[in-house]
Amino acid sequence: MEGFTKQFGVEMLVWFEQHATMEQAIQREKRIKKWNREWKLRLIEEANPEWRDLACDLGFESLD
């Protein structure tokens, strides 16, 4: 896909969060962007230790 996905070679969805409002989602995204890589990896591995492609769970085909 164009944009972020193409620019950074994204092939899998390994983590996501749902929020009640767009404002809450944006606030959370800005907060996580300031985290170091280790914290981000821990967040992913706590929810998805096998690093499965979660897009498949949402009805999309895997890109890999």
C-alpha atoms as a PDB file:
ATOM      1  CA  MET A   1       0.000   0.000   0.000  1.00  0.00           C
ATOM      2  CA  GLU A   2       1.082   3.558  -0.551  1.00  0.00           C
ATOM      3  CA  GLY A   3       2.289   5.736   2.305  1.00  0.00           C
ATOM      4  CA  PHE A   4       3.740   4.392   5.552  1.00  0.00           C
ATOM      5  CA  THR A   5       3.307   0.731   4.573  1.00  0.00           C
ATOM      6  CA  LYS A   6       5.281   1.083   1.341  1.00  0.00           C
ATOM      7  CA  GLN A   7       7.838   3.523   2.706  1.00  0.00           C
ATOM      8  CA  PHE A   8       8.843   1.254   5.597  1.00  0.00           C
ATOM      9  CA  GLY A   9       8.249  -2.144   3.970  1.00  0.00           C
ATOM     10  CA  VAL A  10       5.490  -3.181   6.370  1.00  0.00           C
ATOM     11  CA  GLU A  11       4.382  -6.764   5.706  1.00  0.00           C
ATOM     12  CA  MET A  12       2.565  -7.792   8.890  1.00  0.00           C
ATOM     13  CA  LEU A  13       0.167  -6.381  11.454  1.00  0.00           C
ATOM     14  CA  VAL A  14       1.539  -7.640  14.764  1.00  0.00           C
ATOM     15  CA  TRP A  15      -0.196  -5.288  17.212  1.00  0.00           C
ATOM     16  CA  PHE A  16      -3.067  -2.845  17.344  1.00  0.00           C
ATOM     17  CA  GLU A  17      -5.339  -1.138  19.849  1.00  0.00           C
ATOM     18  CA  GLN A  18      -8.908   0.029  19.598  1.00  0.00           C
ATOM     19  CA  HIS A  19     -10.068   3.270  21.205  1.00  0.00           C
ATOM     20  CA  ALA A  20     -13.468   4.831  21.783  1.00  0.00           C
ATOM     21  CA  THR A  21     -12.574   8.060  19.984  1.00  0.00           C
ATOM     22  CA  MET A  22     -10.111   9.237  17.356  1.00  0.00           C
ATOM     23  CA  GLU A  23      -8.726  11.739  19.861  1.00  0.00           C
ATOM     24  CA  GLN A  24      -7.884   8.938  22.305  1.00  0.00           C
ATOM     25  CA  ALA A  25      -6.228   6.912  19.544  1.00  0.00           C
ATOM     26  CA  ILE A  26      -4.112   9.866  18.414  1.00  0.00           C
ATOM     27  CA  GLN A  27      -3.097  10.650  21.998  1.00  0.00           C
ATOM     28  CA  ARG A  28      -2.031   7.027  22.564  1.00  0.00           C
ATOM     29  CA  GLU A  29      -0.111   6.936  19.267  1.00  0.00           C
ATOM     30  CA  LYS A  30       1.803  10.092  20.163  1.00  0.00           C
ATOM     31  CA  ARG A  31       2.638   8.653  23.581  1.00  0.00           C
ATOM     32  CA  ILE A  32       3.915   5.347  22.142  1.00  0.00           C
ATOM     33  CA  LYS A  33       6.023   7.134  19.496  1.00  0.00           C
ATOM     34  CA  LYS A  34       8.122   8.556  22.353  1.00  0.00           C
ATOM     35  CA  TRP A  35       8.831   5.089  23.798  1.00  0.00           C
ATOM     36  CA  ASN A  36      12.126   3.353  23.221  1.00  0.00           C
ATOM     37  CA  ARG A  37      12.243   0.284  20.983  1.00  0.00           C
ATOM     38  CA  GLU A  38      12.509  -2.178  23.895  1.00  0.00           C
ATOM     39  CA  TRP A  39       9.213  -0.956  25.387  1.00  0.00           C
ATOM     40  CA  LYS A  40       7.483  -1.221  22.006  1.00  0.00           C
ATOM     41  CA  LEU A  41       8.762  -4.769  21.501  1.00  0.00           C
ATOM     42  CA  ARG A  42       7.555  -5.726  24.975  1.00  0.00           C
ATOM     43  CA  LEU A  43       4.105  -4.302  24.178  1.00  0.00           C
ATOM     44  CA  ILE A  44       3.904  -6.454  21.032  1.00  0.00           C
ATOM     45  CA  GLU A  45       5.232  -9.603  22.675  1.00  0.00           C
ATOM     46  CA  GLU A  46       2.848  -9.389  25.632  1.00  0.00           C
ATOM     47  CA  ALA A  47      -0.147  -9.431  23.275  1.00  0.00           C
ATOM     48  CA  ASN A  48       1.297 -11.458  20.393  1.00  0.00           C
ATOM     49  CA  PRO A  49       4.290 -13.543  21.557  1.00  0.00           C
ATOM     50  CA  GLU A  50       4.399 -15.566  18.313  1.00  0.00           C
ATOM     51  CA  TRP A  51       4.332 -12.435  16.141  1.00  0.00           C
ATOM     52  CA  ARG A  52       1.356 -13.758  14.131  1.00  0.00           C
ATOM     53  CA  ASP A  53      -0.040 -11.596  11.337  1.00  0.00           C
ATOM     54  CA  LEU A  54      -3.163 -10.197  13.016  1.00  0.00           C
ATOM     55  CA  ALA A  55      -4.496  -8.883   9.707  1.00  0.00           C
ATOM     56  CA  CYS A  56      -5.513 -12.476   8.942  1.00  0.00           C
ATOM     57  CA  ASP A  57      -7.683 -12.485  12.087  1.00  0.00           C
ATOM     58  CA  LEU A  58      -9.449  -9.410  10.697  1.00  0.00           C
ATOM     59  CA  GLY A  59     -10.222 -11.088   7.364  1.00  0.00           C
ATOM     60  CA  PHE A  60      -7.317  -9.752   5.300  1.00  0.00           C
ATOM     61  CA  GLU A  61      -4.768 -11.815   3.403  1.00  0.00           C
ATOM     62  CA  SER A  62      -1.195 -11.865   4.663  1.00  0.00           C
ATOM     63  CA  LEU A  63       1.194  -9.721   2.604  1.00  0.00           C
ATOM     64  CA  ASP A  64       4.221 -11.987   3.007  1.00  0.00           C
END
